[in-house]
C-alpha atoms as a PDB file:
ATOM      1  CA  MET A   1       0.047   0.057  -0.186  1.00  0.00           C
ATOM      2  CA  ARG A   2       1.025   3.535  -0.908  1.00  0.00           C
ATOM      3  CA  ILE A   3       0.227   6.476   1.402  1.00  0.00           C
ATOM      4  CA  ALA A   4       0.664   9.998   0.140  1.00  0.00           C
ATOM      5  CA  ARG A   5       0.267  13.455   1.420  1.00  0.00           C
ATOM      6  CA  PHE A   6      -0.926  16.018  -1.098  1.00  0.00           C
ATOM      7  CA  SER A   7      -2.310  19.237  -1.825  1.00  0.00           C
ATOM      8  CA  HIS A   8      -5.250  20.129  -4.151  1.00  0.00           C
ATOM      9  CA  ASP A   9      -6.281  23.736  -4.579  1.00  0.00           C
ATOM     10  CA  ASP A  10      -4.201  24.470  -1.391  1.00  0.00           C
ATOM     11  CA  THR A  11      -5.960  21.875   0.632  1.00  0.00           C
ATOM     12  CA  VAL A  12      -3.786  19.395   2.302  1.00  0.00           C
ATOM     13  CA  SER A  13      -4.922  15.540   2.449  1.00  0.00           C
ATOM     14  CA  TYR A  14      -3.677  12.303   2.754  1.00  0.00           C
ATOM     15  CA  ALA A  15      -4.452   9.457   0.236  1.00  0.00           C
ATOM     16  CA  PHE A  16      -3.913   6.013  -0.910  1.00  0.00           C
ATOM     17  CA  VAL A  17      -2.303   5.905  -4.249  1.00  0.00           C
ATOM     18  CA  GLN A  18      -3.919   3.270  -6.394  1.00  0.00           C
ATOM     19  CA  LYS A  19      -3.862   2.135 -10.055  1.00  0.00           C
ATOM     20  CA  ASP A  20      -7.219   1.991 -11.771  1.00  0.00           C
ATOM     21  CA  GLU A  21      -7.127  -1.338 -13.690  1.00  0.00           C
ATOM     22  CA  GLU A  22      -9.754  -0.174 -16.266  1.00  0.00           C
ATOM     23  CA  ASP A  23      -7.873   3.029 -17.403  1.00  0.00           C
ATOM     24  CA  GLY A  24      -4.392   2.177 -16.140  1.00  0.00           C
ATOM     25  CA  LYS A  25      -4.046   5.459 -14.455  1.00  0.00           C
ATOM     26  CA  GLU A  26      -2.786   6.220 -11.012  1.00  0.00           C
ATOM     27  CA  TYR A  27      -5.160   7.983  -8.609  1.00  0.00           C
ATOM     28  CA  LEU A  28      -5.006   9.591  -5.144  1.00  0.00           C
ATOM     29  CA  VAL A  29      -7.996   8.019  -3.060  1.00  0.00           C
ATOM     30  CA  GLU A  30      -8.410  10.886  -0.588  1.00  0.00           C
ATOM     31  CA  LEU A  31      -8.569   9.981   3.104  1.00  0.00           C
ATOM     32  CA  SER A  32     -10.853  11.606   5.804  1.00  0.00           C
ATOM     33  CA  GLY A  33      -7.940  12.460   8.398  1.00  0.00           C
ATOM     34  CA  TYR A  34      -4.363  11.604   9.373  1.00  0.00           C
ATOM     35  CA  PRO A  35      -3.412   8.049   8.976  1.00  0.00           C
ATOM     36  CA  LEU A  36      -0.616   7.967  11.586  1.00  0.00           C
ATOM     37  CA  GLY A  37      -3.054   9.254  14.486  1.00  0.00           C
ATOM     38  CA  GLY A  38      -5.100   7.022  16.861  1.00  0.00           C
ATOM     39  CA  THR A  39      -8.365   7.825  14.968  1.00  0.00           C
ATOM     40  CA  PRO A  40      -9.324   5.361  12.058  1.00  0.00           C
ATOM     41  CA  VAL A  41      -9.550   6.848   8.585  1.00  0.00           C
ATOM     42  CA  SER A  42     -11.482   5.998   5.579  1.00  0.00           C
ATOM     43  CA  PRO A  43     -11.825   7.158   2.051  1.00  0.00           C
ATOM     44  CA  THR A  44     -13.961  10.422   1.664  1.00  0.00           C
ATOM     45  CA  GLY A  45     -15.197   9.272  -1.816  1.00  0.00           C
ATOM     46  CA  GLU A  46     -12.911  11.692  -3.705  1.00  0.00           C
ATOM     47  CA  ARG A  47     -10.148  10.688  -6.043  1.00  0.00           C
ATOM     48  CA  PHE A  48      -7.860  12.850  -7.949  1.00  0.00           C
ATOM     49  CA  GLU A  49      -5.490  11.829 -10.945  1.00  0.00           C
ATOM     50  CA  LEU A  50      -1.942  11.543  -9.570  1.00  0.00           C
ATOM     51  CA  ASP A  51      -0.691  13.974 -12.292  1.00  0.00           C
ATOM     52  CA  GLY A  52      -4.005  16.173 -12.528  1.00  0.00           C
ATOM     53  CA  ASP A  53      -4.292  19.646 -12.580  1.00  0.00           C
ATOM     54  CA  GLY A  54      -3.764  21.415  -9.189  1.00  0.00           C
ATOM     55  CA  ILE A  55      -2.257  18.192  -7.484  1.00  0.00           C
ATOM     56  CA  ARG A  56       1.007  18.507  -5.906  1.00  0.00           C
ATOM     57  CA  LEU A  57       2.674  15.597  -3.825  1.00  0.00           C
ATOM     58  CA  LEU A  58       4.034  16.889  -0.638  1.00  0.00           C
ATOM     59  CA  ALA A  59       6.644  15.366   1.757  1.00  0.00           C
ATOM     60  CA  PRO A  60       4.651  12.196   3.041  1.00  0.00           C
ATOM     61  CA  VAL A  61       5.267  13.300   6.802  1.00  0.00           C
ATOM     62  CA  ILE A  62       6.555  16.190   8.686  1.00  0.00           C
ATOM     63  CA  PRO A  63       8.326  14.140  11.528  1.00  0.00           C
ATOM     64  CA  SER A  64       8.812  15.425  15.073  1.00  0.00           C
ATOM     65  CA  LYS A  65      12.538  14.289  14.625  1.00  0.00           C
ATOM     66  CA  ILE A  66      14.709  12.440  12.305  1.00  0.00           C
ATOM     67  CA  TYR A  67      17.626  10.242  13.122  1.00  0.00           C
ATOM     68  CA  GLY A  68      20.375   9.259  10.456  1.00  0.00           C
ATOM     69  CA  LEU A  69      22.821   6.521  10.546  1.00  0.00           C
ATOM     70  CA  ALA A  70      26.522   7.457   9.334  1.00  0.00           C
ATOM     71  CA  LYS A  71      29.048   5.157   7.730  1.00  0.00           C
ATOM     72  CA  ASN A  72      26.339   2.245   7.814  1.00  0.00           C
ATOM     73  CA  TYR A  73      27.903   0.519   4.793  1.00  0.00           C
ATOM     74  CA  GLU A  74      31.294  -0.566   4.658  1.00  0.00           C
ATOM     75  CA  ALA A  75      31.680   0.818   1.196  1.00  0.00           C
ATOM     76  CA  HIS A  76      30.640   4.279   2.234  1.00  0.00           C
ATOM     77  CA  ALA A  77      32.854   4.076   5.162  1.00  0.00           C
ATOM     78  CA  GLN A  78      35.903   3.384   2.855  1.00  0.00           C
ATOM     79  CA  TYR A  79      34.874   6.039   0.467  1.00  0.00           C
ATOM     80  CA  MET A  80      34.613   8.521   3.239  1.00  0.00           C
ATOM     81  CA  GLY A  81      37.995   7.661   4.449  1.00  0.00           C
ATOM     82  CA  GLU A  82      39.629   8.028   1.007  1.00  0.00           C
ATOM     83  CA  ILE A  83      38.187  11.688   0.326  1.00  0.00           C
ATOM     84  CA  THR A  84      39.338  12.673   3.847  1.00  0.00           C
ATOM     85  CA  GLY A  85      42.904  11.335   3.321  1.00  0.00           C
ATOM     86  CA  MET A  86      42.393   8.524   5.729  1.00  0.00           C
ATOM     87  CA  LYS A  87      42.756   5.329   3.510  1.00  0.00           C
ATOM     88  CA  GLY A  88      41.810   2.076   4.973  1.00  0.00           C
ATOM     89  CA  THR A  89      39.032   3.446   7.151  1.00  0.00           C
ATOM     90  CA  HIS A  90      36.539   1.047   7.989  1.00  0.00           C
ATOM     91  CA  ALA A  91      32.891   1.357   9.335  1.00  0.00           C
ATOM     92  CA  PRO A  92      32.733   2.000  13.169  1.00  0.00           C
ATOM     93  CA  GLU A  93      31.482  -0.900  15.244  1.00  0.00           C
ATOM     94  CA  GLU A  94      28.878   1.205  17.072  1.00  0.00           C
ATOM     95  CA  MET A  95      26.280   3.294  15.443  1.00  0.00           C
ATOM     96  CA  VAL A  96      27.078   6.674  14.422  1.00  0.00           C
ATOM     97  CA  ILE A  97      23.781   8.683  14.706  1.00  0.00           C
ATOM     98  CA  PHE A  98      22.978  12.365  13.692  1.00  0.00           C
ATOM     99  CA  THR A  99      19.878  14.288  13.666  1.00  0.00           C
ATOM    100  CA  LYS A 100      18.120  16.605  11.196  1.00  0.00           C
ATOM    101  CA  PRO A 101      15.239  19.063  12.233  1.00  0.00           C
ATOM    102  CA  SER A 102      11.837  18.824  10.774  1.00  0.00           C
ATOM    103  CA  THR A 103      12.432  22.217   9.013  1.00  0.00           C
ATOM    104  CA  SER A 104      14.900  20.379   6.654  1.00  0.00           C
ATOM    105  CA  VAL A 105      12.102  18.370   5.219  1.00  0.00           C
ATOM    106  CA  ILE A 106      11.029  19.033   1.792  1.00  0.00           C
ATOM    107  CA  GLY A 107       8.890  17.036  -0.519  1.00  0.00           C
ATOM    108  CA  PRO A 108       9.004  15.840  -4.179  1.00  0.00           C
ATOM    109  CA  ASP A 109       9.970  18.449  -6.925  1.00  0.00           C
ATOM    110  CA  ASP A 110      10.567  21.009  -3.981  1.00  0.00           C
ATOM    111  CA  PRO A 111      13.647  22.915  -4.556  1.00  0.00           C
ATOM    112  CA  ILE A 112      17.124  22.056  -2.750  1.00  0.00           C
ATOM    113  CA  VAL A 113      18.505  25.461  -1.791  1.00  0.00           C
ATOM    114  CA  MET A 114      22.254  25.558  -1.699  1.00  0.00           C
ATOM    115  CA  PRO A 115      23.272  27.895   1.122  1.00  0.00           C
ATOM    116  CA  SER A 116      25.628  30.713   0.318  1.00  0.00           C
ATOM    117  CA  PHE A 117      27.974  29.425   3.145  1.00  0.00           C
ATOM    118  CA  SER A 118      28.811  26.282   1.379  1.00  0.00           C
ATOM    119  CA  THR A 119      30.739  25.371  -1.917  1.00  0.00           C
ATOM    120  CA  ASP A 120      30.316  21.638  -1.776  1.00  0.00           C
ATOM    121  CA  MET A 121      26.780  20.325  -1.392  1.00  0.00           C
ATOM    122  CA  ASN A 122      26.511  16.303  -1.793  1.00  0.00           C
ATOM    123  CA  PHE A 123      23.761  13.994  -2.423  1.00  0.00           C
ATOM    124  CA  GLU A 124      23.206  10.551  -0.460  1.00  0.00           C
ATOM    125  CA  PRO A 125      20.465   8.424  -1.664  1.00  0.00           C
ATOM    126  CA  GLU A 126      18.910   6.207   1.163  1.00  0.00           C
ATOM    127  CA  VAL A 127      15.984   4.289   2.340  1.00  0.00           C
ATOM    128  CA  ALA A 128      14.166   5.977   5.040  1.00  0.00           C
ATOM    129  CA  VAL A 129      11.922   4.320   7.833  1.00  0.00           C
ATOM    130  CA  VAL A 130       8.715   5.809   8.857  1.00  0.00           C
ATOM    131  CA  ILE A 131       7.491   4.935  12.302  1.00  0.00           C
ATOM    132  CA  GLY A 132       3.742   3.956  12.663  1.00  0.00           C
ATOM    133  CA  ARG A 133       3.437   3.874  16.530  1.00  0.00           C
ATOM    134  CA  ILE A 134       5.028   5.013  19.729  1.00  0.00           C
ATOM    135  CA  ALA A 135       8.226   3.110  20.261  1.00  0.00           C
ATOM    136  CA  LYS A 136      10.379   2.872  23.319  1.00  0.00           C
ATOM    137  CA  ASN A 137      12.642   0.281  24.400  1.00  0.00           C
ATOM    138  CA  VAL A 138      11.697  -1.762  21.523  1.00  0.00           C
ATOM    139  CA  ARG A 139      13.197  -5.246  21.252  1.00  0.00           C
ATOM    140  CA  GLU A 140      15.035  -5.978  17.954  1.00  0.00           C
ATOM    141  CA  LYS A 141      12.736  -8.955  17.130  1.00  0.00           C
ATOM    142  CA  ASP A 142       9.550  -6.748  17.555  1.00  0.00           C
ATOM    143  CA  ALA A 143      10.992  -3.671  15.746  1.00  0.00           C
ATOM    144  CA  MET A 144       9.123  -4.032  12.480  1.00  0.00           C
ATOM    145  CA  ASN A 145       5.786  -4.098  14.345  1.00  0.00           C
ATOM    146  CA  TYR A 146       6.405  -0.402  14.865  1.00  0.00           C
ATOM    147  CA  VAL A 147       6.954   0.592  11.146  1.00  0.00           C
ATOM    148  CA  LEU A 148       4.356   2.085   9.133  1.00  0.00           C
ATOM    149  CA  GLY A 149       6.390   1.890   5.900  1.00  0.00           C
ATOM    150  CA  PHE A 150       9.259   3.181   3.952  1.00  0.00           C
ATOM    151  CA  THR A 151      10.134   6.138   1.664  1.00  0.00           C
ATOM    152  CA  CYS A 152      13.104   7.548  -0.535  1.00  0.00           C
ATOM    153  CA  VAL A 153      15.209  10.284   1.108  1.00  0.00           C
ATOM    154  CA  ASN A 154      18.124  12.254  -0.185  1.00  0.00           C
ATOM    155  CA  ASP A 155      20.461  12.935   2.972  1.00  0.00           C
ATOM    156  CA  VAL A 156      21.828  16.104   1.429  1.00  0.00           C
ATOM    157  CA  THR A 157      25.174  17.152   3.125  1.00  0.00           C
ATOM    158  CA  LEU A 158      27.363  20.135   3.140  1.00  0.00           C
ATOM    159  CA  ARG A 159      30.520  18.174   2.827  1.00  0.00           C
ATOM    160  CA  ASP A 160      32.827  21.245   3.129  1.00  0.00           C
ATOM    161  CA  LEU A 161      31.275  22.102   6.509  1.00  0.00           C
ATOM    162  CA  GLN A 162      31.381  18.513   8.021  1.00  0.00           C
ATOM    163  CA  GLY A 163      35.044  18.736   9.247  1.00  0.00           C
ATOM    164  CA  ASP A 164      34.490  22.045  11.033  1.00  0.00           C
ATOM    165  CA  ASP A 165      31.185  21.070  12.568  1.00  0.00           C
ATOM    166  CA  PRO A 166      31.593  18.032  14.838  1.00  0.00           C
ATOM    167  CA  MET A 167      27.796  17.566  15.417  1.00  0.00           C
ATOM    168  CA  TRP A 168      27.053  17.960  11.721  1.00  0.00           C
ATOM    169  CA  THR A 169      24.375  20.511  12.714  1.00  0.00           C
ATOM    170  CA  ARG A 170      24.823  22.873   9.694  1.00  0.00           C
ATOM    171  CA  ALA A 171      26.238  20.237   7.282  1.00  0.00           C
ATOM    172  CA  LYS A 172      22.981  17.958   7.440  1.00  0.00           C
ATOM    173  CA  GLY A 173      20.464  20.260   9.200  1.00  0.00           C
ATOM    174  CA  PHE A 174      20.042  23.208   7.131  1.00  0.00           C
ATOM    175  CA  ASP A 175      16.730  24.019   5.364  1.00  0.00           C
ATOM    176  CA  THR A 176      15.724  21.787   2.513  1.00  0.00           C
ATOM    177  CA  ALA A 177      18.569  19.257   3.617  1.00  0.00           C
ATOM    178  CA  CYS A 178      16.042  16.235   3.934  1.00  0.00           C
ATOM    179  CA  PRO A 179      13.984  15.631   0.689  1.00  0.00           C
ATOM    180  CA  LEU A 180      11.457  12.716   1.395  1.00  0.00           C
ATOM    181  CA  GLY A 181       9.020  11.108  -0.968  1.00  0.00           C
ATOM    182  CA  PRO A 182       7.233  10.432  -3.113  1.00  0.00           C
ATOM    183  CA  TRP A 183       5.063   8.496  -0.566  1.00  0.00           C
ATOM    184  CA  ILE A 184       5.152   5.863   2.220  1.00  0.00           C
ATOM    185  CA  GLU A 185       5.261   2.202   0.818  1.00  0.00           C
ATOM    186  CA  THR A 186       3.957  -0.247   3.515  1.00  0.00           C
ATOM    187  CA  ASP A 187       4.945  -3.263   1.534  1.00  0.00           C
ATOM    188  CA  LEU A 188       8.581  -3.556   0.947  1.00  0.00           C
ATOM    189  CA  ASP A 189      11.335  -6.188   1.252  1.00  0.00           C
ATOM    190  CA  HIS A 190      13.619  -3.818   3.607  1.00  0.00           C
ATOM    191  CA  THR A 191      16.199  -6.529   3.730  1.00  0.00           C
ATOM    192  CA  ASP A 192      17.051  -6.154   0.013  1.00  0.00           C
ATOM    193  CA  ALA A 193      15.932  -2.571  -1.181  1.00  0.00           C
ATOM    194  CA  LYS A 194      17.765  -1.577  -4.176  1.00  0.00           C
ATOM    195  CA  ILE A 195      19.036   2.083  -4.294  1.00  0.00           C
ATOM    196  CA  SER A 196      19.935   4.171  -7.199  1.00  0.00           C
ATOM    197  CA  PHE A 197      20.725   7.685  -8.181  1.00  0.00           C
ATOM    198  CA  THR A 198      20.387   9.914 -11.260  1.00  0.00           C
ATOM    199  CA  LEU A 199      22.013  13.228 -11.777  1.00  0.00           C
ATOM    200  CA  ASN A 200      20.683  15.501 -14.585  1.00  0.00           C
ATOM    201  CA  GLY A 201      19.350  12.282 -16.380  1.00  0.00           C
ATOM    202  CA  GLU A 202      22.476  10.257 -15.949  1.00  0.00           C
ATOM    203  CA  ASP A 203      22.817   7.171 -13.763  1.00  0.00           C
ATOM    204  CA  VAL A 204      25.583   7.376 -11.077  1.00  0.00           C
ATOM    205  CA  PRO A 205      26.435   3.651 -10.693  1.00  0.00           C
ATOM    206  CA  GLU A 206      28.895   4.397  -7.878  1.00  0.00           C
ATOM    207  CA  ALA A 207      25.909   5.677  -5.639  1.00  0.00           C
ATOM    208  CA  SER A 208      23.776   2.628  -5.936  1.00  0.00           C
ATOM    209  CA  GLY A 209      23.511  -0.348  -3.558  1.00  0.00           C
ATOM    210  CA  THR A 210      21.165  -2.464  -1.464  1.00  0.00           C
ATOM    211  CA  THR A 211      20.030  -2.501   2.000  1.00  0.00           C
ATOM    212  CA  ALA A 212      21.175  -6.129   2.110  1.00  0.00           C
ATOM    213  CA  ASN A 213      24.717  -4.638   2.827  1.00  0.00           C
ATOM    214  CA  LEU A 214      23.603  -2.447   5.750  1.00  0.00           C
ATOM    215  CA  ILE A 215      25.993  -3.110   8.718  1.00  0.00           C
ATOM    216  CA  HIS A 216      23.405  -2.257  11.300  1.00  0.00           C
ATOM    217  CA  SER A 217      19.993  -3.832  10.194  1.00  0.00           C
ATOM    218  CA  ILE A 218      16.799  -1.594  10.263  1.00  0.00           C
ATOM    219  CA  GLU A 219      15.638  -3.742  13.259  1.00  0.00           C
ATOM    220  CA  SER A 220      18.774  -2.850  15.199  1.00  0.00           C
ATOM    221  CA  GLN A 221      18.444   0.713  14.379  1.00  0.00           C
ATOM    222  CA  ILE A 222      14.918   0.957  15.745  1.00  0.00           C
ATOM    223  CA  ALA A 223      15.893  -1.045  18.911  1.00  0.00           C
ATOM    224  CA  PHE A 224      18.951   1.081  19.653  1.00  0.00           C
ATOM    225  CA  ILE A 225      17.285   4.444  18.861  1.00  0.00           C
ATOM    226  CA  SER A 226      14.243   3.632  20.897  1.00  0.00           C
ATOM    227  CA  SER A 227      16.426   2.722  23.925  1.00  0.00           C
ATOM    228  CA  PHE A 228      17.400   6.451  24.419  1.00  0.00           C
ATOM    229  CA  SER A 229      14.619   8.264  22.489  1.00  0.00           C
ATOM    230  CA  THR A 230      11.011   7.902  22.228  1.00  0.00           C
ATOM    231  CA  LEU A 231       9.873   7.472  18.574  1.00  0.00           C
ATOM    232  CA  LEU A 232       6.607   8.894  17.719  1.00  0.00           C
ATOM    233  CA  PRO A 233       4.322   8.197  14.819  1.00  0.00           C
ATOM    234  CA  GLY A 234       5.734   9.885  11.621  1.00  0.00           C
ATOM    235  CA  ASP A 235       9.372   9.823  12.917  1.00  0.00           C
ATOM    236  CA  VAL A 236      11.913   9.017  10.396  1.00  0.00           C
ATOM    237  CA  ILE A 237      15.096   7.055  10.447  1.00  0.00           C
ATOM    238  CA  LEU A 238      17.579   7.579   7.478  1.00  0.00           C
ATOM    239  CA  THR A 239      19.367   3.953   7.160  1.00  0.00           C
ATOM    240  CA  GLY A 240      22.621   5.046   5.518  1.00  0.00           C
ATOM    241  CA  THR A 241      23.787   5.763   1.933  1.00  0.00           C
ATOM    242  CA  PRO A 242      25.398   2.782   0.286  1.00  0.00           C
ATOM    243  CA  TYR A 243      28.462   3.991  -1.491  1.00  0.00           C
ATOM    244  CA  ALA A 244      30.038   7.121  -2.797  1.00  0.00           C
ATOM    245  CA  THR A 245      28.304  10.338  -2.973  1.00  0.00           C
ATOM    246  CA  GLY A 246      28.937  13.468  -5.084  1.00  0.00           C
ATOM    247  CA  SER A 247      28.378  17.029  -5.567  1.00  0.00           C
ATOM    248  CA  LEU A 248      25.270  18.979  -6.300  1.00  0.00           C
ATOM    249  CA  LYS A 249      25.324  22.413  -7.830  1.00  0.00           C
ATOM    250  CA  PRO A 250      22.537  24.769  -8.793  1.00  0.00           C
ATOM    251  CA  GLY A 251      20.361  23.842 -11.669  1.00  0.00           C
ATOM    252  CA  ASP A 252      21.067  20.121 -11.188  1.00  0.00           C
ATOM    253  CA  GLU A 253      18.257  17.575 -11.172  1.00  0.00           C
ATOM    254  CA  ALA A 254      18.643  14.884  -8.588  1.00  0.00           C
ATOM    255  CA  ILE A 255      16.560  11.646  -8.468  1.00  0.00           C
ATOM    256  CA  VAL A 256      16.696   9.061  -5.719  1.00  0.00           C
ATOM    257  CA  HIS A 257      15.302   5.667  -6.877  1.00  0.00           C
ATOM    258  CA  VAL A 258      14.310   2.737  -4.457  1.00  0.00           C
ATOM    259  CA  GLU A 259      13.082  -0.251  -6.080  1.00  0.00           C
ATOM    260  CA  GLY A 260       9.610  -1.040  -4.632  1.00  0.00           C
ATOM    261  CA  ILE A 261       8.852   2.557  -3.690  1.00  0.00           C
ATOM    262  CA  GLY A 262       9.516   4.985  -6.472  1.00  0.00           C
ATOM    263  CA  SER A 263      11.412   7.961  -7.330  1.00  0.00           C
ATOM    264  CA  LEU A 264      12.077  11.179  -5.587  1.00  0.00           C
ATOM    265  CA  ARG A 265      12.870  14.206  -7.720  1.00  0.00           C
ATOM    266  CA  ASN A 266      14.313  17.492  -6.641  1.00  0.00           C
ATOM    267  CA  VAL A 267      16.080  20.229  -8.551  1.00  0.00           C
ATOM    268  CA  VAL A 268      18.913  22.562  -6.858  1.00  0.00           C
ATOM    269  CA  MET A 269      18.891  26.254  -6.739  1.00  0.00           C
ATOM    270  CA  HIS A 270      20.830  29.066  -5.288  1.00  0.00           C
ATOM    271  CA  ALA A 271      19.874  30.550  -1.854  1.00  0.00           C
END
């Protein structure tokens, strides 16, 4: 099941995304409320063509908090070691966790705004986990019971600021640094979700990978994070980028693809 958040004539709603088998088109089947709340929702009877006039997909959630895993693939850890002059670097044994504020979230086709104080903004395509119910001290074996679904994310990072910013507050938390979308997919093989990335229409093979190579599984991420922080419905975990990243500049079109979810497109612009 795909759950989208969208606007129609400036009214924001949630919807199921469904394909009509008769005409082959994709539709947004509007829901009566917020599907991550405690109150049941149901279709309103309204539906809109996914690419219809006045329809705009939004970030599928605005989380209370976002946690990200750094160097959660061995290939990415080695890559980061090479670009920082520390060849032979391996992924850390313990989870390295950072945060992004909710104000960094944007949706499909929203612009990524390159701050004036950076000259090296990088893309990082990833799978994001969307929490579906309150999670605290969750056991690893029960972790997936707390997941609503998954979405695409571009963990945009100001690489030139990372070294001077030990907490990565500006490097990863600036406005527009967390594109999410296009929707939440509730049915995904999260153990082998294939990630790829295109830049200006060209595939970037060194940025691709699969969650089968995660060092810390999604289950272990949820268990560990919930041991120190209560996760609320709609909160998001960025599971890690699989390999190499690369620079983004104004005018670039960046598209994150996750097989089984879809594609998240954003264009870069000057501040």
